[in-house]
C-alpha atoms as a PDB file:
ATOM      1  CA  UNK A   1       0.000   0.000   0.000  1.00  0.00           C
ATOM      2  CA  UNK A   2       1.556   3.372  -1.045  1.00  0.00           C
ATOM      3  CA  UNK A   3       2.597   5.617   1.805  1.00  0.00           C
ATOM      4  CA  UNK A   4       1.124   9.078   1.907  1.00  0.00           C
ATOM      5  CA  UNK A   5       3.026  12.106   3.117  1.00  0.00           C
ATOM      6  CA  UNK A   6       1.214  13.834   5.977  1.00  0.00           C
ATOM      7  CA  UNK A   7       0.291  17.455   5.300  1.00  0.00           C
ATOM      8  CA  UNK A   8       2.690  20.001   6.797  1.00  0.00           C
ATOM      9  CA  UNK A   9       1.739  21.234  10.214  1.00  0.00           C
ATOM     10  CA  UNK A  10       0.594  24.808  10.418  1.00  0.00           C
ATOM     11  CA  UNK A  11       2.500  26.721  13.106  1.00  0.00           C
ATOM     12  CA  UNK A  12       0.327  28.148  15.840  1.00  0.00           C
ATOM     13  CA  UNK A  13      -0.846  31.704  15.347  1.00  0.00           C
ATOM     14  CA  UNK A  14       1.061  34.070  17.637  1.00  0.00           C
ATOM     15  CA  UNK A  15      -0.884  36.294  19.981  1.00  0.00           C
ATOM     16  CA  UNK A  16      -2.128  39.503  18.346  1.00  0.00           C
ATOM     17  CA  UNK A  17       0.469  41.613  20.160  1.00  0.00           C
ATOM     18  CA  UNK A  18       3.275  39.690  18.415  1.00  0.00           C
ATOM     19  CA  UNK A  19       2.148  40.281  14.849  1.00  0.00           C
ATOM     20  CA  UNK A  20       1.003  43.883  15.103  1.00  0.00           C
ATOM     21  CA  UNK A  21       3.020  45.986  12.667  1.00  0.00           C
ATOM     22  CA  UNK A  22       5.659  47.756  14.722  1.00  0.00           C
ATOM     23  CA  UNK A  23       6.531  51.335  13.800  1.00  0.00           C
ATOM     24  CA  UNK A  24      10.048  51.961  12.506  1.00  0.00           C
ATOM     25  CA  UNK A  25      12.634  53.171  15.034  1.00  0.00           C
ATOM     26  CA  UNK A  26      12.220  56.883  15.709  1.00  0.00           C
ATOM     27  CA  UNK A  27      14.971  59.461  16.008  1.00  0.00           C
ATOM     28  CA  UNK A  28      18.499  59.621  14.690  1.00  0.00           C
ATOM     29  CA  UNK A  29      21.534  57.995  16.274  1.00  0.00           C
ATOM     30  CA  UNK A  30      22.905  60.725  18.516  1.00  0.00           C
ATOM     31  CA  UNK A  31      26.258  62.345  17.933  1.00  0.00           C
ATOM     32  CA  UNK A  32      29.395  61.019  19.598  1.00  0.00           C
ATOM     33  CA  UNK A  33      29.409  61.481  23.350  1.00  0.00           C
ATOM     34  CA  UNK A  34      32.351  63.608  24.426  1.00  0.00           C
ATOM     35  CA  UNK A  35      32.154  62.628  28.103  1.00  0.00           C
ATOM     36  CA  UNK A  36      30.656  59.146  28.604  1.00  0.00           C
ATOM     37  CA  UNK A  37      31.334  59.277  32.353  1.00  0.00           C
ATOM     38  CA  UNK A  38      29.354  62.499  32.749  1.00  0.00           C
ATOM     39  CA  UNK A  39      26.506  61.044  30.665  1.00  0.00           C
ATOM     40  CA  UNK A  40      26.431  57.939  32.845  1.00  0.00           C
ATOM     41  CA  UNK A  41      26.294  60.058  36.006  1.00  0.00           C
ATOM     42  CA  UNK A  42      23.418  62.088  34.560  1.00  0.00           C
ATOM     43  CA  UNK A  43      21.417  58.988  33.654  1.00  0.00           C
ATOM     44  CA  UNK A  44      22.157  57.291  36.975  1.00  0.00           C
ATOM     45  CA  UNK A  45      20.755  60.359  38.746  1.00  0.00           C
ATOM     46  CA  UNK A  46      17.384  59.872  37.036  1.00  0.00           C
ATOM     47  CA  UNK A  47      14.424  58.691  39.148  1.00  0.00           C
ATOM     48  CA  UNK A  48      14.545  55.322  37.364  1.00  0.00           C
ATOM     49  CA  UNK A  49      18.179  54.512  38.186  1.00  0.00           C
ATOM     50  CA  UNK A  50      19.049  56.687  41.184  1.00  0.00           C
ATOM     51  CA  UNK A  51      20.054  54.611  44.227  1.00  0.00           C
ATOM     52  CA  UNK A  52      20.024  51.266  42.412  1.00  0.00           C
ATOM     53  CA  UNK A  53      23.139  49.076  42.681  1.00  0.00           C
ATOM     54  CA  UNK A  54      25.719  50.120  40.056  1.00  0.00           C
ATOM     55  CA  UNK A  55      25.556  46.745  38.316  1.00  0.00           C
ATOM     56  CA  UNK A  56      21.769  47.086  37.912  1.00  0.00           C
ATOM     57  CA  UNK A  57      22.047  50.565  36.396  1.00  0.00           C
ATOM     58  CA  UNK A  58      24.881  49.407  34.124  1.00  0.00           C
ATOM     59  CA  UNK A  59      22.757  46.480  32.927  1.00  0.00           C
ATOM     60  CA  UNK A  60      20.039  48.923  31.833  1.00  0.00           C
ATOM     61  CA  UNK A  61      22.504  51.264  30.133  1.00  0.00           C
ATOM     62  CA  UNK A  62      24.289  48.405  28.341  1.00  0.00           C
ATOM     63  CA  UNK A  63      21.354  47.894  25.969  1.00  0.00           C
ATOM     64  CA  UNK A  64      20.433  51.579  25.632  1.00  0.00           C
ATOM     65  CA  UNK A  65      21.225  53.607  22.531  1.00  0.00           C
ATOM     66  CA  UNK A  66      21.162  57.377  22.318  1.00  0.00           C
ATOM     67  CA  UNK A  67      18.597  58.782  19.872  1.00  0.00           C
ATOM     68  CA  UNK A  68      18.352  62.405  18.770  1.00  0.00           C
ATOM     69  CA  UNK A  69      15.152  64.297  17.901  1.00  0.00           C
ATOM     70  CA  UNK A  70      14.678  67.766  16.446  1.00  0.00           C
ATOM     71  CA  UNK A  71      11.948  70.218  17.410  1.00  0.00           C
ATOM     72  CA  UNK A  72       8.642  68.855  16.121  1.00  0.00           C
ATOM     73  CA  UNK A  73       9.855  65.251  15.745  1.00  0.00           C
ATOM     74  CA  UNK A  74       7.557  62.614  17.212  1.00  0.00           C
ATOM     75  CA  UNK A  75       9.009  59.975  19.478  1.00  0.00           C
ATOM     76  CA  UNK A  76       5.750  58.031  19.133  1.00  0.00           C
ATOM     77  CA  UNK A  77       2.116  58.587  18.162  1.00  0.00           C
ATOM     78  CA  UNK A  78      -1.071  57.841  20.089  1.00  0.00           C
ATOM     79  CA  UNK A  79      -2.662  54.527  19.117  1.00  0.00           C
ATOM     80  CA  UNK A  80       0.357  52.924  17.474  1.00  0.00           C
ATOM     81  CA  UNK A  81       1.947  49.820  18.996  1.00  0.00           C
ATOM     82  CA  UNK A  82       5.178  50.364  20.848  1.00  0.00           C
ATOM     83  CA  UNK A  83       8.033  48.215  22.084  1.00  0.00           C
ATOM     84  CA  UNK A  84      10.527  50.725  23.438  1.00  0.00           C
ATOM     85  CA  UNK A  85      10.863  53.319  26.174  1.00  0.00           C
ATOM     86  CA  UNK A  86      12.785  56.583  26.282  1.00  0.00           C
ATOM     87  CA  UNK A  87      14.848  57.895  29.194  1.00  0.00           C
ATOM     88  CA  UNK A  88      15.275  61.586  28.415  1.00  0.00           C
ATOM     89  CA  UNK A  89      18.821  62.901  28.592  1.00  0.00           C
ATOM     90  CA  UNK A  90      18.201  66.482  27.459  1.00  0.00           C
ATOM     91  CA  UNK A  91      15.483  68.607  25.880  1.00  0.00           C
ATOM     92  CA  UNK A  92      11.752  68.594  26.464  1.00  0.00           C
ATOM     93  CA  UNK A  93       8.874  66.436  25.190  1.00  0.00           C
ATOM     94  CA  UNK A  94       5.215  67.450  25.002  1.00  0.00           C
ATOM     95  CA  UNK A  95       2.672  64.713  25.751  1.00  0.00           C
ATOM     96  CA  UNK A  96      -0.714  65.134  24.074  1.00  0.00           C
ATOM     97  CA  UNK A  97      -3.835  63.079  23.436  1.00  0.00           C
ATOM     98  CA  UNK A  98      -6.569  63.449  20.859  1.00  0.00           C
ATOM     99  CA  UNK A  99      -9.577  65.458  21.926  1.00  0.00           C
ATOM    100  CA  UNK A 100     -12.971  66.078  20.328  1.00  0.00           C
ATOM    101  CA  UNK A 101     -12.644  66.925  16.665  1.00  0.00           C
ATOM    102  CA  UNK A 102      -9.107  65.567  16.545  1.00  0.00           C
ATOM    103  CA  UNK A 103      -7.534  68.480  18.433  1.00  0.00           C
ATOM    104  CA  UNK A 104      -4.317  67.784  20.336  1.00  0.00           C
ATOM    105  CA  UNK A 105      -4.753  68.349  24.084  1.00  0.00           C
ATOM    106  CA  UNK A 106      -1.487  68.740  26.041  1.00  0.00           C
ATOM    107  CA  UNK A 107      -1.533  66.951  29.378  1.00  0.00           C
ATOM    108  CA  UNK A 108       2.126  66.860  30.423  1.00  0.00           C
ATOM    109  CA  UNK A 109       5.670  67.970  29.669  1.00  0.00           C
ATOM    110  CA  UNK A 110       8.575  65.576  30.182  1.00  0.00           C
ATOM    111  CA  UNK A 111      12.147  66.696  30.727  1.00  0.00           C
ATOM    112  CA  UNK A 112      15.618  65.318  31.451  1.00  0.00           C
ATOM    113  CA  UNK A 113      15.651  62.274  33.711  1.00  0.00           C
ATOM    114  CA  UNK A 114      12.062  61.261  32.999  1.00  0.00           C
ATOM    115  CA  UNK A 115      11.029  57.934  31.509  1.00  0.00           C
ATOM    116  CA  UNK A 116       8.256  57.922  28.895  1.00  0.00           C
ATOM    117  CA  UNK A 117       6.533  55.208  26.904  1.00  0.00           C
ATOM    118  CA  UNK A 118       6.739  52.518  29.579  1.00  0.00           C
ATOM    119  CA  UNK A 119       2.971  51.991  29.994  1.00  0.00           C
ATOM    120  CA  UNK A 120       2.521  50.580  26.493  1.00  0.00           C
ATOM    121  CA  UNK A 121       5.610  48.388  26.802  1.00  0.00           C
ATOM    122  CA  UNK A 122       4.439  46.932  30.125  1.00  0.00           C
ATOM    123  CA  UNK A 123       0.700  46.616  29.417  1.00  0.00           C
ATOM    124  CA  UNK A 124       0.509  46.176  25.651  1.00  0.00           C
ATOM    125  CA  UNK A 125      -1.977  47.803  23.323  1.00  0.00           C
ATOM    126  CA  UNK A 126      -1.485  51.138  21.621  1.00  0.00           C
ATOM    127  CA  UNK A 127       0.381  54.184  22.796  1.00  0.00           C
ATOM    128  CA  UNK A 128      -1.682  56.203  25.276  1.00  0.00           C
ATOM    129  CA  UNK A 129      -0.434  59.579  24.039  1.00  0.00           C
ATOM    130  CA  UNK A 130       1.642  61.302  21.381  1.00  0.00           C
ATOM    131  CA  UNK A 131       5.141  62.384  22.409  1.00  0.00           C
ATOM    132  CA  UNK A 132       6.615  65.302  20.463  1.00  0.00           C
ATOM    133  CA  UNK A 133      10.001  66.955  20.999  1.00  0.00           C
ATOM    134  CA  UNK A 134       9.525  70.708  21.441  1.00  0.00           C
ATOM    135  CA  UNK A 135      13.265  71.395  21.118  1.00  0.00           C
ATOM    136  CA  UNK A 136      16.419  69.443  20.344  1.00  0.00           C
ATOM    137  CA  UNK A 137      16.096  66.329  22.497  1.00  0.00           C
ATOM    138  CA  UNK A 138      18.293  63.322  23.243  1.00  0.00           C
ATOM    139  CA  UNK A 139      16.954  60.116  24.793  1.00  0.00           C
ATOM    140  CA  UNK A 140      18.450  56.782  25.819  1.00  0.00           C
ATOM    141  CA  UNK A 141      16.323  53.933  24.500  1.00  0.00           C
ATOM    142  CA  UNK A 142      16.950  50.232  25.244  1.00  0.00           C
ATOM    143  CA  UNK A 143      16.553  47.708  22.469  1.00  0.00           C
ATOM    144  CA  UNK A 144      13.028  46.205  22.106  1.00  0.00           C
ATOM    145  CA  UNK A 145      12.461  43.853  25.010  1.00  0.00           C
ATOM    146  CA  UNK A 146      15.308  45.421  26.960  1.00  0.00           C
ATOM    147  CA  UNK A 147      13.130  46.993  29.651  1.00  0.00           C
ATOM    148  CA  UNK A 148      11.126  43.835  30.330  1.00  0.00           C
ATOM    149  CA  UNK A 149      14.273  41.686  30.521  1.00  0.00           C
ATOM    150  CA  UNK A 150      15.931  44.179  32.862  1.00  0.00           C
ATOM    151  CA  UNK A 151      12.934  44.165  35.204  1.00  0.00           C
ATOM    152  CA  UNK A 152      12.827  40.358  35.212  1.00  0.00           C
ATOM    153  CA  UNK A 153      16.518  40.081  36.063  1.00  0.00           C
ATOM    154  CA  UNK A 154      16.478  42.652  38.853  1.00  0.00           C
ATOM    155  CA  UNK A 155      13.625  42.666  41.412  1.00  0.00           C
ATOM    156  CA  UNK A 156      14.864  45.983  42.847  1.00  0.00           C
ATOM    157  CA  UNK A 157      14.383  47.544  39.418  1.00  0.00           C
ATOM    158  CA  UNK A 158      10.845  46.147  39.247  1.00  0.00           C
ATOM    159  CA  UNK A 159      10.050  47.718  42.625  1.00  0.00           C
ATOM    160  CA  UNK A 160      11.495  51.034  41.405  1.00  0.00           C
ATOM    161  CA  UNK A 161       9.294  50.920  38.313  1.00  0.00           C
ATOM    162  CA  UNK A 162       6.275  50.205  40.498  1.00  0.00           C
ATOM    163  CA  UNK A 163       7.117  53.248  42.651  1.00  0.00           C
ATOM    164  CA  UNK A 164       7.360  55.462  39.560  1.00  0.00           C
ATOM    165  CA  UNK A 165       4.019  54.248  38.237  1.00  0.00           C
ATOM    166  CA  UNK A 166       2.333  54.813  41.614  1.00  0.00           C
ATOM    167  CA  UNK A 167       3.749  58.329  41.684  1.00  0.00           C
ATOM    168  CA  UNK A 168       2.395  59.010  38.220  1.00  0.00           C
ATOM    169  CA  UNK A 169      -1.082  57.813  39.222  1.00  0.00           C
ATOM    170  CA  UNK A 170      -1.000  60.100  42.269  1.00  0.00           C
ATOM    171  CA  UNK A 171      -0.003  63.084  40.140  1.00  0.00           C
ATOM    172  CA  UNK A 172      -2.767  62.343  37.657  1.00  0.00           C
ATOM    173  CA  UNK A 173      -5.306  62.099  40.489  1.00  0.00           C
ATOM    174  CA  UNK A 174      -4.090  65.408  41.909  1.00  0.00           C
ATOM    175  CA  UNK A 175      -4.386  66.991  38.464  1.00  0.00           C
ATOM    176  CA  UNK A 176      -7.947  65.704  38.107  1.00  0.00           C
ATOM    177  CA  UNK A 177      -8.826  67.165  41.519  1.00  0.00           C
ATOM    178  CA  UNK A 178      -7.515  70.544  40.385  1.00  0.00           C
ATOM    179  CA  UNK A 179      -9.298  70.409  37.040  1.00  0.00           C
ATOM    180  CA  UNK A 180     -12.596  69.495  38.682  1.00  0.00           C
ATOM    181  CA  UNK A 181     -12.435  71.628  41.808  1.00  0.00           C
ATOM    182  CA  UNK A 182     -10.523  74.786  40.883  1.00  0.00           C
ATOM    183  CA  UNK A 183     -11.337  77.939  38.965  1.00  0.00           C
ATOM    184  CA  UNK A 184      -9.498  78.910  35.777  1.00  0.00           C
ATOM    185  CA  UNK A 185      -7.012  81.318  37.450  1.00  0.00           C
ATOM    186  CA  UNK A 186      -5.986  78.564  39.867  1.00  0.00           C
ATOM    187  CA  UNK A 187      -5.508  76.048  37.043  1.00  0.00           C
ATOM    188  CA  UNK A 188      -3.421  78.489  34.986  1.00  0.00           C
ATOM    189  CA  UNK A 189      -1.291  79.558  37.956  1.00  0.00           C
ATOM    190  CA  UNK A 190      -0.680  75.929  38.955  1.00  0.00           C
ATOM    191  CA  UNK A 191       0.351  74.965  35.430  1.00  0.00           C
ATOM    192  CA  UNK A 192       2.800  77.869  35.143  1.00  0.00           C
ATOM    193  CA  UNK A 193       4.222  77.265  38.627  1.00  0.00           C
ATOM    194  CA  UNK A 194       4.839  73.580  37.865  1.00  0.00           C
ATOM    195  CA  UNK A 195       6.566  74.383  34.560  1.00  0.00           C
ATOM    196  CA  UNK A 196       8.741  77.024  36.253  1.00  0.00           C
ATOM    197  CA  UNK A 197       9.739  74.627  39.051  1.00  0.00           C
ATOM    198  CA  UNK A 198      10.695  71.858  36.615  1.00  0.00           C
ATOM    199  CA  UNK A 199      12.232  73.747  33.704  1.00  0.00           C
ATOM    200  CA  UNK A 200      13.020  77.242  35.002  1.00  0.00           C
ATOM    201  CA  UNK A 201      16.547  78.522  35.455  1.00  0.00           C
ATOM    202  CA  UNK A 202      17.233  81.028  38.227  1.00  0.00           C
ATOM    203  CA  UNK A 203      17.996  84.585  37.090  1.00  0.00           C
ATOM    204  CA  UNK A 204      18.209  87.872  39.019  1.00  0.00           C
ATOM    205  CA  UNK A 205      14.599  88.553  37.963  1.00  0.00           C
ATOM    206  CA  UNK A 206      13.156  85.161  38.799  1.00  0.00           C
ATOM    207  CA  UNK A 207      12.646  81.751  37.198  1.00  0.00           C
ATOM    208  CA  UNK A 208      12.974  81.956  33.410  1.00  0.00           C
ATOM    209  CA  UNK A 209      11.702  79.157  31.166  1.00  0.00           C
ATOM    210  CA  UNK A 210      10.240  78.557  27.743  1.00  0.00           C
ATOM    211  CA  UNK A 211       6.605  77.580  28.087  1.00  0.00           C
ATOM    212  CA  UNK A 212       6.564  75.753  24.720  1.00  0.00           C
ATOM    213  CA  UNK A 213       2.767  75.927  24.624  1.00  0.00           C
ATOM    214  CA  UNK A 214       0.776  78.223  22.397  1.00  0.00           C
ATOM    215  CA  UNK A 215      -1.982  80.086  24.164  1.00  0.00           C
ATOM    216  CA  UNK A 216      -4.656  77.861  22.629  1.00  0.00           C
ATOM    217  CA  UNK A 217      -2.712  74.771  23.788  1.00  0.00           C
ATOM    218  CA  UNK A 218      -2.473  76.171  27.305  1.00  0.00           C
ATOM    219  CA  UNK A 219      -6.223  76.816  27.168  1.00  0.00           C
ATOM    220  CA  UNK A 220      -6.930  73.208  26.181  1.00  0.00           C
ATOM    221  CA  UNK A 221      -4.562  71.996  28.890  1.00  0.00           C
ATOM    222  CA  UNK A 222      -6.479  73.853  31.637  1.00  0.00           C
ATOM    223  CA  UNK A 223      -9.899  73.202  30.034  1.00  0.00           C
ATOM    224  CA  UNK A 224     -10.755  76.855  29.434  1.00  0.00           C
ATOM    225  CA  UNK A 225     -11.264  79.223  26.546  1.00  0.00           C
ATOM    226  CA  UNK A 226      -8.328  81.058  25.006  1.00  0.00           C
ATOM    227  CA  UNK A 227      -9.939  84.380  25.876  1.00  0.00           C
ATOM    228  CA  UNK A 228     -10.287  83.446  29.554  1.00  0.00           C
ATOM    229  CA  UNK A 229      -6.689  82.233  29.747  1.00  0.00           C
ATOM    230  CA  UNK A 230      -5.504  85.480  28.155  1.00  0.00           C
ATOM    231  CA  UNK A 231      -7.406  87.441  30.818  1.00  0.00           C
ATOM    232  CA  UNK A 232      -5.709  85.411  33.549  1.00  0.00           C
ATOM    233  CA  UNK A 233      -2.239  85.928  32.037  1.00  0.00           C
ATOM    234  CA  UNK A 234      -2.844  89.677  31.820  1.00  0.00           C
ATOM    235  CA  UNK A 235      -3.954  89.724  35.463  1.00  0.00           C
ATOM    236  CA  UNK A 236      -0.907  87.728  36.618  1.00  0.00           C
ATOM    237  CA  UNK A 237       1.338  90.152  34.723  1.00  0.00           C
ATOM    238  CA  UNK A 238      -0.454  93.155  36.217  1.00  0.00           C
ATOM    239  CA  UNK A 239       0.137  91.777  39.708  1.00  0.00           C
ATOM    240  CA  UNK A 240       3.860  91.547  38.949  1.00  0.00           C
ATOM    241  CA  UNK A 241       4.016  87.762  39.270  1.00  0.00           C
ATOM    242  CA  UNK A 242       4.981  86.890  35.678  1.00  0.00           C
ATOM    243  CA  UNK A 243       6.407  88.620  32.619  1.00  0.00           C
ATOM    244  CA  UNK A 244       6.559  87.553  28.995  1.00  0.00           C
ATOM    245  CA  UNK A 245       9.937  88.106  27.331  1.00  0.00           C
ATOM    246  CA  UNK A 246       9.757  86.935  23.733  1.00  0.00           C
ATOM    247  CA  UNK A 247       9.398  83.141  23.750  1.00  0.00           C
ATOM    248  CA  UNK A 248      10.275  83.008  27.454  1.00  0.00           C
ATOM    249  CA  UNK A 249       8.159  83.417  30.544  1.00  0.00           C
ATOM    250  CA  UNK A 250       9.734  84.854  33.689  1.00  0.00           C
ATOM    251  CA  UNK A 251       8.125  84.025  37.016  1.00  0.00           C
ATOM    252  CA  UNK A 252       8.937  87.133  39.054  1.00  0.00           C
ATOM    253  CA  UNK A 253       7.246  85.987  42.277  1.00  0.00           C
ATOM    254  CA  UNK A 254       7.252  82.165  42.517  1.00  0.00           C
ATOM    255  CA  UNK A 255       5.765  82.178  46.030  1.00  0.00           C
ATOM    256  CA  UNK A 256       2.759  84.248  45.007  1.00  0.00           C
ATOM    257  CA  UNK A 257       2.192  82.139  41.907  1.00  0.00           C
ATOM    258  CA  UNK A 258       2.360  78.944  43.957  1.00  0.00           C
ATOM    259  CA  UNK A 259      -0.140  80.324  46.463  1.00  0.00           C
ATOM    260  CA  UNK A 260      -2.549  81.243  43.654  1.00  0.00           C
ATOM    261  CA  UNK A 261      -2.156  77.763  42.194  1.00  0.00           C
ATOM    262  CA  UNK A 262      -3.366  75.987  45.310  1.00  0.00           C
ATOM    263  CA  UNK A 263      -6.917  74.655  45.299  1.00  0.00           C
ATOM    264  CA  UNK A 264      -9.026  76.867  47.552  1.00  0.00           C
END
């Protein structure tokens, strides 16, 4: 009796997350680092790596590559799948999500030392926001799968990541409390005070920083009309608390601005 060849076995279908089309790598390989030791110290001072054993931090950095982004470049886009995170070395990144009618609503600014993009890597699904560089930005990004492997190898790193995520949830809850329970002047003052504290540089006049938000973007961020936000900015200037200087904003009286930004 002739032997028949069995039909080839069909390999099992991978889970949906494994065959989603991944976006191409974003950013350009960064220029040569003139002082690797100084760069390592800067990254190890970030909330993600600060205080971890040196060998744990080095394990994370071993798989990280520096990527450069120009103003307006997107690190990632809301809704797309993602398999990498970015630890910001320098620059500033605006986080936005799509609002009604497709408008971009800013909800956070990320600066040096902050980790972005980890939620999608850890939980799957699409990116929760769009990340756009607002100025020349450099980020350290591990190879795909690098973050998950690092967390599996080092329990102390997993605990650190959990602490960072808990802190983010607390900040988001505090922001929601402000948005729901505060008037527009309080929301504007709080937003400006937070930006000044994070990105401002001390000058004889006060804290100087680049807001990097157009007035309509600031209005969407604080859930108010552009006209109302403009009225608040004029009032804060009249009180001598802030001053516009070209693209910069100078906080002349940080204490007063902080007091006005507290929920009453």
